[in-house]
């Protein structure tokens, strides 16, 4: 698993930068703007999986706020917290 360290760290950095840019530095609530979309489901799945595996994907407060917002959605609770 440790051999994955450099690749994981690079992915984490790129992922965070991409998500921050997509969220316009936190000005947008959702990935594509004002409404929840499949893109948000995909980003949430990546963050959820990384959290579950203990990979620590979140490096920025914008990403943390976004992930918290997604976890508060009723659909998230239905799907992942039965």
N, C-alpha and C. Protein backbone atom coordinates (compact mmCIF):
# COMPACT_ATOMS: atom_id res chain seq x y z
N UNK A 1 0.82 -1.20 0.00
CA UNK A 1 0.00 0.00 0.00
C UNK A 1 0.87 1.26 0.00
N UNK A 2 2.01 1.19 0.68
CA UNK A 2 2.87 2.37 0.78
C UNK A 2 3.44 2.77 -0.58
N UNK A 3 3.57 1.81 -1.50
CA UNK A 3 4.05 2.13 -2.84
C UNK A 3 3.09 3.07 -3.56
N UNK A 4 1.86 3.08 -3.13
CA UNK A 4 0.85 3.95 -3.74
C UNK A 4 0.95 5.39 -3.22
N UNK A 5 1.71 5.60 -2.19
CA UNK A 5 1.80 6.91 -1.55
C UNK A 5 2.00 8.08 -2.50
N UNK A 6 3.04 8.07 -3.34
CA UNK A 6 3.25 9.20 -4.25
C UNK A 6 2.10 9.42 -5.22
N UNK A 7 1.55 8.33 -5.76
CA UNK A 7 0.43 8.45 -6.69
C UNK A 7 -0.81 8.97 -5.98
N UNK A 8 -1.05 8.46 -4.77
CA UNK A 8 -2.20 8.90 -3.98
C UNK A 8 -2.08 10.38 -3.65
N UNK A 9 -0.90 10.80 -3.25
CA UNK A 9 -0.68 12.21 -2.90
C UNK A 9 -0.88 13.12 -4.11
N UNK A 10 -0.41 12.67 -5.26
CA UNK A 10 -0.58 13.46 -6.48
C UNK A 10 -2.06 13.56 -6.85
N UNK A 11 -2.78 12.43 -6.77
CA UNK A 11 -4.21 12.43 -7.07
C UNK A 11 -4.96 13.35 -6.11
N UNK A 12 -4.62 13.27 -4.82
CA UNK A 12 -5.27 14.09 -3.81
C UNK A 12 -5.10 15.58 -4.13
N UNK A 13 -3.90 15.97 -4.48
CA UNK A 13 -3.62 17.37 -4.79
C UNK A 13 -4.41 17.83 -6.02
N UNK A 14 -4.39 17.02 -7.07
CA UNK A 14 -5.11 17.36 -8.30
C UNK A 14 -6.62 17.38 -8.07
N UNK A 15 -7.13 16.38 -7.34
CA UNK A 15 -8.56 16.29 -7.06
C UNK A 15 -9.05 17.51 -6.29
N UNK A 16 -8.33 17.88 -5.23
CA UNK A 16 -8.72 19.04 -4.43
C UNK A 16 -8.70 20.32 -5.26
N UNK A 17 -7.65 20.51 -6.05
CA UNK A 17 -7.56 21.72 -6.89
C UNK A 17 -8.71 21.77 -7.89
N UNK A 18 -9.01 20.63 -8.49
CA UNK A 18 -10.10 20.56 -9.47
C UNK A 18 -11.45 20.87 -8.82
N UNK A 19 -11.70 20.28 -7.66
CA UNK A 19 -12.99 20.50 -7.00
C UNK A 19 -13.13 21.95 -6.52
N UNK A 20 -12.07 22.52 -6.01
CA UNK A 20 -12.10 23.92 -5.58
C UNK A 20 -12.39 24.83 -6.78
N UNK A 21 -11.77 24.54 -7.91
CA UNK A 21 -12.02 25.33 -9.12
C UNK A 21 -13.47 25.16 -9.58
N UNK A 22 -13.96 23.93 -9.58
CA UNK A 22 -15.34 23.66 -10.01
C UNK A 22 -16.35 24.35 -9.10
N UNK A 23 -16.02 24.46 -7.81
CA UNK A 23 -16.91 25.11 -6.84
C UNK A 23 -16.65 26.62 -6.77
N UNK A 24 -15.83 27.12 -7.66
CA UNK A 24 -15.49 28.55 -7.72
C UNK A 24 -15.01 29.05 -6.36
N UNK A 25 -14.11 28.29 -5.77
CA UNK A 25 -13.53 28.68 -4.49
C UNK A 25 -14.51 28.67 -3.34
N UNK A 26 -15.60 27.94 -3.49
CA UNK A 26 -16.61 27.84 -2.44
C UNK A 26 -17.83 28.71 -2.68
N UNK A 27 -17.84 29.45 -3.78
CA UNK A 27 -18.99 30.31 -4.09
C UNK A 27 -20.19 29.51 -4.58
N UNK A 28 -19.92 28.36 -5.17
CA UNK A 28 -21.00 27.50 -5.66
C UNK A 28 -21.24 26.37 -4.66
N UNK A 29 -22.50 26.01 -4.49
CA UNK A 29 -22.84 24.93 -3.56
C UNK A 29 -22.63 23.56 -4.19
N UNK A 30 -22.92 23.46 -5.47
CA UNK A 30 -22.84 22.18 -6.17
C UNK A 30 -21.83 22.24 -7.30
N UNK A 31 -21.39 21.08 -7.73
CA UNK A 31 -20.35 20.96 -8.74
C UNK A 31 -20.68 21.69 -10.04
N UNK A 32 -21.93 21.58 -10.48
CA UNK A 32 -22.33 22.23 -11.73
C UNK A 32 -23.15 23.49 -11.53
N UNK A 33 -23.19 24.02 -10.33
CA UNK A 33 -23.91 25.27 -10.11
C UNK A 33 -24.89 25.24 -8.97
N UNK A 34 -26.16 25.54 -9.28
CA UNK A 34 -27.17 25.72 -8.25
C UNK A 34 -27.95 24.46 -7.87
N UNK A 35 -27.81 23.41 -8.67
CA UNK A 35 -28.60 22.20 -8.41
C UNK A 35 -27.70 20.98 -8.28
N UNK A 36 -28.12 20.09 -7.39
CA UNK A 36 -27.44 18.81 -7.22
C UNK A 36 -27.53 18.01 -8.51
N UNK A 37 -26.44 17.34 -8.89
CA UNK A 37 -26.43 16.56 -10.13
C UNK A 37 -25.65 15.26 -9.92
N UNK A 38 -25.62 14.45 -10.96
CA UNK A 38 -24.85 13.21 -10.92
C UNK A 38 -23.37 13.49 -10.68
N UNK A 39 -22.89 14.65 -11.12
CA UNK A 39 -21.49 15.01 -10.89
C UNK A 39 -21.21 15.12 -9.39
N UNK A 40 -22.16 15.64 -8.64
CA UNK A 40 -22.00 15.72 -7.18
C UNK A 40 -21.97 14.33 -6.57
N UNK A 41 -22.81 13.44 -7.08
CA UNK A 41 -22.82 12.06 -6.59
C UNK A 41 -21.46 11.40 -6.81
N UNK A 42 -20.86 11.64 -7.96
CA UNK A 42 -19.55 11.06 -8.27
C UNK A 42 -18.45 11.64 -7.38
N UNK A 43 -18.45 12.96 -7.18
CA UNK A 43 -17.45 13.58 -6.32
C UNK A 43 -17.62 13.10 -4.87
N UNK A 44 -18.87 12.99 -4.44
CA UNK A 44 -19.15 12.53 -3.08
C UNK A 44 -18.68 11.09 -2.90
N UNK A 45 -18.88 10.26 -3.90
CA UNK A 45 -18.45 8.86 -3.81
C UNK A 45 -16.93 8.78 -3.65
N UNK A 46 -16.20 9.58 -4.38
CA UNK A 46 -14.74 9.59 -4.26
C UNK A 46 -14.33 10.01 -2.85
N UNK A 47 -14.93 11.08 -2.35
CA UNK A 47 -14.60 11.57 -1.01
C UNK A 47 -15.00 10.56 0.06
N UNK A 48 -16.18 9.94 -0.10
CA UNK A 48 -16.65 8.96 0.87
C UNK A 48 -15.74 7.74 0.90
N UNK A 49 -15.36 7.24 -0.26
CA UNK A 49 -14.49 6.07 -0.34
C UNK A 49 -13.13 6.36 0.28
N UNK A 50 -12.58 7.52 -0.02
CA UNK A 50 -11.29 7.90 0.55
C UNK A 50 -11.38 8.03 2.07
N UNK A 51 -12.48 8.59 2.55
CA UNK A 51 -12.68 8.73 3.99
C UNK A 51 -12.76 7.35 4.65
N UNK A 52 -13.51 6.46 4.04
CA UNK A 52 -13.67 5.10 4.56
C UNK A 52 -12.34 4.37 4.63
N UNK A 53 -11.50 4.57 3.62
CA UNK A 53 -10.20 3.90 3.54
C UNK A 53 -9.13 4.60 4.38
N UNK A 54 -9.46 5.76 4.91
CA UNK A 54 -8.50 6.51 5.71
C UNK A 54 -7.42 7.19 4.87
N UNK A 55 -7.77 7.54 3.64
CA UNK A 55 -6.79 8.15 2.72
C UNK A 55 -6.65 9.66 2.90
N UNK A 56 -7.53 10.28 3.65
CA UNK A 56 -7.42 11.71 3.89
C UNK A 56 -7.38 12.56 2.64
N UNK A 57 -8.41 12.46 1.82
CA UNK A 57 -8.45 13.20 0.55
C UNK A 57 -8.66 14.69 0.72
N UNK A 58 -9.24 15.12 1.81
CA UNK A 58 -9.62 16.52 1.97
C UNK A 58 -8.43 17.33 2.48
N UNK A 59 -8.04 18.34 1.69
CA UNK A 59 -6.91 19.19 2.05
C UNK A 59 -7.30 20.66 2.16
N UNK A 60 -8.55 20.98 2.00
CA UNK A 60 -8.96 22.38 1.95
C UNK A 60 -10.33 22.55 2.58
N UNK A 61 -10.58 23.70 3.19
CA UNK A 61 -11.87 23.93 3.84
C UNK A 61 -13.03 23.99 2.85
N UNK A 62 -12.77 24.39 1.61
CA UNK A 62 -13.82 24.40 0.58
C UNK A 62 -14.29 22.97 0.31
N UNK A 63 -13.33 22.05 0.19
CA UNK A 63 -13.66 20.64 -0.06
C UNK A 63 -14.33 20.04 1.17
N UNK A 64 -13.87 20.39 2.35
CA UNK A 64 -14.48 19.90 3.60
C UNK A 64 -15.93 20.36 3.70
N UNK A 65 -16.18 21.63 3.43
CA UNK A 65 -17.54 22.17 3.49
C UNK A 65 -18.44 21.47 2.47
N UNK A 66 -17.94 21.28 1.26
CA UNK A 66 -18.69 20.59 0.20
C UNK A 66 -19.04 19.17 0.64
N UNK A 67 -18.05 18.45 1.15
CA UNK A 67 -18.28 17.06 1.57
C UNK A 67 -19.30 17.01 2.72
N UNK A 68 -19.20 17.90 3.66
CA UNK A 68 -20.16 17.95 4.77
C UNK A 68 -21.57 18.22 4.26
N UNK A 69 -21.68 19.14 3.32
CA UNK A 69 -22.99 19.46 2.72
C UNK A 69 -23.58 18.24 2.02
N UNK A 70 -22.75 17.51 1.29
CA UNK A 70 -23.23 16.33 0.58
C UNK A 70 -23.67 15.24 1.56
N UNK A 71 -22.94 15.09 2.67
CA UNK A 71 -23.28 14.07 3.66
C UNK A 71 -24.57 14.39 4.40
N UNK A 72 -24.98 15.65 4.40
CA UNK A 72 -26.22 16.06 5.06
C UNK A 72 -27.46 15.81 4.21
N UNK A 73 -27.26 15.48 2.94
CA UNK A 73 -28.40 15.24 2.05
C UNK A 73 -29.14 13.96 2.48
N UNK A 74 -30.47 13.98 2.48
CA UNK A 74 -31.23 12.78 2.85
C UNK A 74 -30.87 11.56 1.99
N UNK A 75 -30.58 11.78 0.73
CA UNK A 75 -30.23 10.65 -0.15
C UNK A 75 -28.93 9.98 0.28
N UNK A 76 -28.00 10.75 0.83
CA UNK A 76 -26.74 10.19 1.31
C UNK A 76 -27.02 9.26 2.49
N UNK A 77 -27.83 9.75 3.43
CA UNK A 77 -28.17 8.94 4.60
C UNK A 77 -28.89 7.66 4.20
N UNK A 78 -29.80 7.78 3.25
CA UNK A 78 -30.53 6.60 2.77
C UNK A 78 -29.59 5.57 2.15
N UNK A 79 -28.66 6.04 1.37
CA UNK A 79 -27.78 5.14 0.64
C UNK A 79 -26.66 4.55 1.49
N UNK A 80 -26.10 5.34 2.39
CA UNK A 80 -24.90 4.91 3.08
C UNK A 80 -25.03 4.74 4.59
N UNK A 81 -26.14 5.13 5.17
CA UNK A 81 -26.32 5.02 6.62
C UNK A 81 -27.67 4.39 6.95
N UNK A 82 -27.89 3.15 6.49
CA UNK A 82 -29.23 2.55 6.69
C UNK A 82 -29.56 2.29 8.14
